[in-house]
Amino acid sequence: WQFALPTNTDGGDLKGFEIGYQQPFTFLPGFLSNFGVQLNYTGVESEITYIVTPATATNPAVTVNNDLTGLSRSAFNATLYYETENYGARVSAAYRDEYLTRVPGRELNNVEGTADVLTIDMSARYTVMENLDLTFEGINLTDEYEDQFLDSVGDRSSYYHHTGRSYLLGARYKF
């Protein structure tokens, strides 16, 4: 049996910023005044110390510095929307850079991670009557895969998830 447990270290540096912008296009004429946009971008740099081999009575710990697991260096979201009292629709794009999921990786790999991905989603709402809305959503319209990899140099595929597109039809009644 071989057991491996993560060990806390003193951490490291984490620096970044996020910027967001939202603009309804109410200054446009006619039906165009019901459009709008929402945008955001996040940029992050990190350097965390990970323990590769714990210290023993005769040897010091072996460590490596790398990005924080689960954290992409860049990510953005963009949404174009149209809203009225009785109808609304949105199309959104979401991008995320690759990110690490394990440092060090298993079986002598230096890291494990997930590749970058861009997904497109949409949603629509229609008010049938004052208390009843019908909704429709489409998730992952571009049918993106989640690509997990082993080793930053070899970039070997570990697992290739395919969840496909999802469509949801719903009704909401308010009372």
C-alpha atoms as a PDB file:
ATOM      1  CA  TRP A   1       0.000   0.000   0.000  1.00  0.00           C
ATOM      2  CA  GLN A   2       1.136   3.517  -0.725  1.00  0.00           C
ATOM      3  CA  PHE A   3      -0.559   6.541   0.814  1.00  0.00           C
ATOM      4  CA  ALA A   4      -0.062  10.149  -0.236  1.00  0.00           C
ATOM      5  CA  LEU A   5      -1.646  12.999   1.674  1.00  0.00           C
ATOM      6  CA  PRO A   6      -1.362  16.706   0.900  1.00  0.00           C
ATOM      7  CA  THR A   7       0.649  18.721   3.391  1.00  0.00           C
ATOM      8  CA  ASN A   8       0.149  22.398   4.152  1.00  0.00           C
ATOM      9  CA  THR A   9       3.057  24.745   3.463  1.00  0.00           C
ATOM     10  CA  ASP A  10       3.591  28.410   4.219  1.00  0.00           C
ATOM     11  CA  GLY A  11       1.763  29.238   0.981  1.00  0.00           C
ATOM     12  CA  GLY A  12       2.996  31.795  -1.498  1.00  0.00           C
ATOM     13  CA  ASP A  13       2.141  34.894  -3.468  1.00  0.00           C
ATOM     14  CA  LEU A  14      -1.190  35.477  -5.155  1.00  0.00           C
ATOM     15  CA  LYS A  15      -1.647  38.652  -7.209  1.00  0.00           C
ATOM     16  CA  GLY A  16      -4.358  39.610  -9.618  1.00  0.00           C
ATOM     17  CA  PHE A  17      -7.171  41.842 -10.678  1.00  0.00           C
ATOM     18  CA  GLU A  18     -10.718  41.669 -11.928  1.00  0.00           C
ATOM     19  CA  ILE A  19     -12.476  44.174 -14.116  1.00  0.00           C
ATOM     20  CA  GLY A  20     -16.146  44.213 -14.997  1.00  0.00           C
ATOM     21  CA  TYR A  21     -18.374  46.302 -17.205  1.00  0.00           C
ATOM     22  CA  GLN A  22     -22.142  46.384 -17.675  1.00  0.00           C
ATOM     23  CA  GLN A  23     -23.949  48.600 -20.146  1.00  0.00           C
ATOM     24  CA  PRO A  24     -27.647  48.646 -21.011  1.00  0.00           C
ATOM     25  CA  PHE A  25     -28.037  50.214 -24.464  1.00  0.00           C
ATOM     26  CA  THR A  26     -30.904  52.503 -23.405  1.00  0.00           C
ATOM     27  CA  PHE A  27     -29.336  55.328 -25.450  1.00  0.00           C
ATOM     28  CA  LEU A  28     -30.150  53.472 -28.709  1.00  0.00           C
ATOM     29  CA  PRO A  29     -33.439  54.040 -30.551  1.00  0.00           C
ATOM     30  CA  GLY A  30     -36.462  51.695 -30.589  1.00  0.00           C
ATOM     31  CA  PHE A  31     -36.067  47.992 -29.894  1.00  0.00           C
ATOM     32  CA  LEU A  32     -32.253  48.365 -29.799  1.00  0.00           C
ATOM     33  CA  SER A  33     -32.624  50.135 -26.430  1.00  0.00           C
ATOM     34  CA  ASN A  34     -33.537  46.760 -24.881  1.00  0.00           C
ATOM     35  CA  PHE A  35     -30.099  45.276 -25.602  1.00  0.00           C
ATOM     36  CA  GLY A  36     -27.170  45.342 -23.214  1.00  0.00           C
ATOM     37  CA  VAL A  37     -23.825  43.771 -22.469  1.00  0.00           C
ATOM     38  CA  GLN A  38     -22.021  42.402 -19.402  1.00  0.00           C
ATOM     39  CA  LEU A  39     -18.258  41.774 -19.519  1.00  0.00           C
ATOM     40  CA  ASN A  40     -15.648  40.724 -16.994  1.00  0.00           C
ATOM     41  CA  TYR A  41     -12.029  39.624 -17.020  1.00  0.00           C
ATOM     42  CA  THR A  42      -9.874  38.153 -14.263  1.00  0.00           C
ATOM     43  CA  GLY A  43      -6.076  37.903 -14.385  1.00  0.00           C
ATOM     44  CA  VAL A  44      -4.115  36.145 -11.644  1.00  0.00           C
ATOM     45  CA  GLU A  45      -0.502  35.188 -10.977  1.00  0.00           C
ATOM     46  CA  SER A  46       0.423  32.811  -8.185  1.00  0.00           C
ATOM     47  CA  GLU A  47       3.462  30.981  -6.913  1.00  0.00           C
ATOM     48  CA  ILE A  48       2.872  28.412  -4.213  1.00  0.00           C
ATOM     49  CA  THR A  49       5.368  26.036  -2.630  1.00  0.00           C
ATOM     50  CA  TYR A  50       4.354  22.366  -2.788  1.00  0.00           C
ATOM     51  CA  ILE A  51       6.029  19.510  -0.925  1.00  0.00           C
ATOM     52  CA  VAL A  52       7.181  16.763  -3.302  1.00  0.00           C
ATOM     53  CA  THR A  53       8.839  14.605  -0.664  1.00  0.00           C
ATOM     54  CA  PRO A  54       8.284  15.231   3.060  1.00  0.00           C
ATOM     55  CA  ALA A  55      11.267  15.777   5.342  1.00  0.00           C
ATOM     56  CA  THR A  56      12.652  12.800   7.193  1.00  0.00           C
ATOM     57  CA  ALA A  57      15.079  12.510  10.066  1.00  0.00           C
ATOM     58  CA  THR A  58      17.970  12.373   7.588  1.00  0.00           C
ATOM     59  CA  ASN A  59      16.732  14.382   4.561  1.00  0.00           C
ATOM     60  CA  PRO A  60      15.126  17.805   4.166  1.00  0.00           C
ATOM     61  CA  ALA A  61      11.795  18.170   2.360  1.00  0.00           C
ATOM     62  CA  VAL A  62      11.889  18.406  -1.426  1.00  0.00           C
ATOM     63  CA  THR A  63       9.663  21.252  -2.670  1.00  0.00           C
ATOM     64  CA  VAL A  64       8.584  22.757  -5.980  1.00  0.00           C
ATOM     65  CA  ASN A  65       7.038  26.139  -6.783  1.00  0.00           C
ATOM     66  CA  ASN A  66       4.093  26.289  -9.176  1.00  0.00           C
ATOM     67  CA  ASP A  67       0.695  27.924  -9.720  1.00  0.00           C
ATOM     68  CA  LEU A  68      -2.064  27.455  -7.163  1.00  0.00           C
ATOM     69  CA  THR A  69      -4.224  24.450  -8.046  1.00  0.00           C
ATOM     70  CA  GLY A  70      -7.719  25.149  -9.353  1.00  0.00           C
ATOM     71  CA  LEU A  71      -6.813  28.696 -10.420  1.00  0.00           C
ATOM     72  CA  SER A  72      -6.627  29.838 -14.062  1.00  0.00           C
ATOM     73  CA  ARG A  73      -4.302  32.704 -14.952  1.00  0.00           C
ATOM     74  CA  SER A  74      -6.967  34.276 -17.177  1.00  0.00           C
ATOM     75  CA  ALA A  75     -10.733  33.993 -17.358  1.00  0.00           C
ATOM     76  CA  PHE A  76     -13.448  36.080 -18.994  1.00  0.00           C
ATOM     77  CA  ASN A  77     -17.205  36.143 -19.438  1.00  0.00           C
ATOM     78  CA  ALA A  78     -19.184  38.081 -22.025  1.00  0.00           C
ATOM     79  CA  THR A  79     -22.978  38.280 -22.211  1.00  0.00           C
ATOM     80  CA  LEU A  80     -25.184  39.986 -24.752  1.00  0.00           C
ATOM     81  CA  TYR A  81     -28.763  40.340 -23.556  1.00  0.00           C
ATOM     82  CA  TYR A  82     -32.177  41.604 -24.665  1.00  0.00           C
ATOM     83  CA  GLU A  83     -34.773  42.394 -21.975  1.00  0.00           C
ATOM     84  CA  THR A  84     -38.358  43.627 -22.034  1.00  0.00           C
ATOM     85  CA  GLU A  85     -41.139  43.190 -19.511  1.00  0.00           C
ATOM     86  CA  ASN A  86     -42.478  40.111 -21.326  1.00  0.00           C
ATOM     87  CA  TYR A  87     -39.422  38.661 -23.025  1.00  0.00           C
ATOM     88  CA  GLY A  88     -35.730  38.226 -22.310  1.00  0.00           C
ATOM     89  CA  ALA A  89     -32.832  36.418 -23.961  1.00  0.00           C
ATOM     90  CA  ARG A  90     -29.101  36.054 -23.253  1.00  0.00           C
ATOM     91  CA  VAL A  91     -26.110  34.573 -25.039  1.00  0.00           C
ATOM     92  CA  SER A  92     -22.968  34.120 -22.965  1.00  0.00           C
ATOM     93  CA  ALA A  93     -19.395  33.084 -23.642  1.00  0.00           C
ATOM     94  CA  ALA A  94     -17.138  31.896 -20.817  1.00  0.00           C
ATOM     95  CA  TYR A  95     -13.399  31.263 -21.223  1.00  0.00           C
ATOM     96  CA  ARG A  96     -10.993  29.778 -18.706  1.00  0.00           C
ATOM     97  CA  ASP A  97      -7.234  29.196 -19.149  1.00  0.00           C
ATOM     98  CA  GLU A  98      -5.769  25.839 -18.270  1.00  0.00           C
ATOM     99  CA  TYR A  99      -5.306  25.202 -14.569  1.00  0.00           C
ATOM    100  CA  LEU A 100      -3.484  22.729 -12.372  1.00  0.00           C
ATOM    101  CA  THR A 101      -5.416  20.144 -10.373  1.00  0.00           C
ATOM    102  CA  ARG A 102      -2.527  18.399  -8.614  1.00  0.00           C
ATOM    103  CA  VAL A 103       1.087  19.333  -7.820  1.00  0.00           C
ATOM    104  CA  PRO A 104       3.062  17.127  -7.891  1.00  0.00           C
ATOM    105  CA  GLY A 105       1.139  14.746 -10.109  1.00  0.00           C
ATOM    106  CA  ARG A 106       0.736  11.049  -9.458  1.00  0.00           C
ATOM    107  CA  GLU A 107       3.037   8.373 -10.863  1.00  0.00           C
ATOM    108  CA  LEU A 108       6.072  10.667 -11.276  1.00  0.00           C
ATOM    109  CA  ASN A 109       4.261  13.319 -13.336  1.00  0.00           C
ATOM    110  CA  ASN A 110       5.255  16.847 -12.348  1.00  0.00           C
ATOM    111  CA  VAL A 111       1.647  18.152 -12.505  1.00  0.00           C
ATOM    112  CA  GLU A 112      -1.921  17.241 -13.429  1.00  0.00           C
ATOM    113  CA  GLY A 113      -4.303  19.766 -14.906  1.00  0.00           C
ATOM    114  CA  THR A 114      -7.253  20.719 -17.072  1.00  0.00           C
ATOM    115  CA  ALA A 115      -6.891  22.402 -20.488  1.00  0.00           C
ATOM    116  CA  ASP A 116      -8.391  25.766 -21.382  1.00  0.00           C
ATOM    117  CA  VAL A 117     -11.996  25.888 -22.570  1.00  0.00           C
ATOM    118  CA  LEU A 118     -14.463  28.319 -24.161  1.00  0.00           C
ATOM    119  CA  THR A 119     -18.173  27.563 -23.766  1.00  0.00           C
ATOM    120  CA  ILE A 120     -21.273  29.257 -25.175  1.00  0.00           C
ATOM    121  CA  ASP A 121     -24.626  29.193 -23.332  1.00  0.00           C
ATOM    122  CA  MET A 122     -28.001  30.841 -23.902  1.00  0.00           C
ATOM    123  CA  SER A 123     -31.266  31.394 -22.092  1.00  0.00           C
ATOM    124  CA  ALA A 124     -34.662  32.847 -22.968  1.00  0.00           C
ATOM    125  CA  ARG A 125     -37.768  33.798 -20.991  1.00  0.00           C
ATOM    126  CA  TYR A 126     -41.298  34.557 -22.152  1.00  0.00           C
ATOM    127  CA  THR A 127     -44.080  35.823 -19.881  1.00  0.00           C
ATOM    128  CA  VAL A 128     -47.293  34.059 -20.908  1.00  0.00           C
ATOM    129  CA  MET A 129     -49.383  35.863 -18.295  1.00  0.00           C
ATOM    130  CA  GLU A 130     -48.679  37.922 -15.169  1.00  0.00           C
ATOM    131  CA  ASN A 131     -47.864  34.879 -13.005  1.00  0.00           C
ATOM    132  CA  LEU A 132     -46.488  32.448 -15.607  1.00  0.00           C
ATOM    133  CA  ASP A 133     -43.075  32.494 -17.317  1.00  0.00           C
ATOM    134  CA  LEU A 134     -41.743  29.906 -19.759  1.00  0.00           C
ATOM    135  CA  THR A 135     -37.978  29.445 -19.935  1.00  0.00           C
ATOM    136  CA  PHE A 136     -35.542  27.745 -22.265  1.00  0.00           C
ATOM    137  CA  GLU A 137     -31.802  27.230 -21.716  1.00  0.00           C
ATOM    138  CA  GLY A 138     -29.040  25.793 -23.864  1.00  0.00           C
ATOM    139  CA  ILE A 139     -25.799  24.888 -22.080  1.00  0.00           C
ATOM    140  CA  ASN A 140     -22.475  24.114 -23.795  1.00  0.00           C
ATOM    141  CA  LEU A 141     -23.901  24.901 -27.245  1.00  0.00           C
ATOM    142  CA  THR A 142     -20.483  24.459 -28.901  1.00  0.00           C
ATOM    143  CA  ASP A 143     -20.231  20.936 -27.438  1.00  0.00           C
ATOM    144  CA  GLU A 144     -16.883  21.482 -25.696  1.00  0.00           C
ATOM    145  CA  TYR A 145     -14.967  18.679 -23.997  1.00  0.00           C
ATOM    146  CA  GLU A 146     -13.121  18.831 -20.665  1.00  0.00           C
ATOM    147  CA  ASP A 147      -9.557  17.759 -21.388  1.00  0.00           C
ATOM    148  CA  GLN A 148      -7.474  16.702 -18.381  1.00  0.00           C
ATOM    149  CA  PHE A 149      -3.735  16.212 -18.820  1.00  0.00           C
ATOM    150  CA  LEU A 150      -0.687  14.754 -17.082  1.00  0.00           C
ATOM    151  CA  ASP A 151       2.744  16.427 -17.023  1.00  0.00           C
ATOM    152  CA  SER A 152       3.443  19.993 -18.119  1.00  0.00           C
ATOM    153  CA  VAL A 153       6.133  18.893 -20.590  1.00  0.00           C
ATOM    154  CA  GLY A 154       4.634  15.693 -22.028  1.00  0.00           C
ATOM    155  CA  ASP A 155       1.049  17.047 -21.975  1.00  0.00           C
ATOM    156  CA  ARG A 156      -0.396  13.540 -22.065  1.00  0.00           C
ATOM    157  CA  SER A 157      -4.148  13.161 -22.058  1.00  0.00           C
ATOM    158  CA  SER A 158      -5.460  11.766 -18.785  1.00  0.00           C
ATOM    159  CA  TYR A 159      -9.198  11.927 -19.323  1.00  0.00           C
ATOM    160  CA  TYR A 160     -11.414  13.457 -22.002  1.00  0.00           C
ATOM    161  CA  HIS A 161     -14.873  14.247 -20.578  1.00  0.00           C
ATOM    162  CA  HIS A 162     -17.787  14.709 -22.946  1.00  0.00           C
ATOM    163  CA  THR A 163     -21.005  15.836 -21.322  1.00  0.00           C
ATOM    164  CA  GLY A 164     -22.494  17.173 -24.550  1.00  0.00           C
ATOM    165  CA  ARG A 165     -25.055  19.913 -24.922  1.00  0.00           C
ATOM    166  CA  SER A 166     -27.911  20.320 -22.452  1.00  0.00           C
ATOM    167  CA  TYR A 167     -31.297  21.851 -23.157  1.00  0.00           C
ATOM    168  CA  LEU A 168     -33.758  22.733 -20.428  1.00  0.00           C
ATOM    169  CA  LEU A 169     -37.354  23.797 -20.808  1.00  0.00           C
ATOM    170  CA  GLY A 170     -39.116  25.161 -17.764  1.00  0.00           C
ATOM    171  CA  ALA A 171     -42.118  26.996 -16.411  1.00  0.00           C
ATOM    172  CA  ARG A 172     -42.310  29.263 -13.384  1.00  0.00           C
ATOM    173  CA  TYR A 173     -45.588  30.141 -11.748  1.00  0.00           C
ATOM    174  CA  LYS A 174     -45.691  32.925  -9.133  1.00  0.00           C
ATOM    175  CA  PHE A 175     -48.461  32.958  -6.533  1.00  0.00           C
END
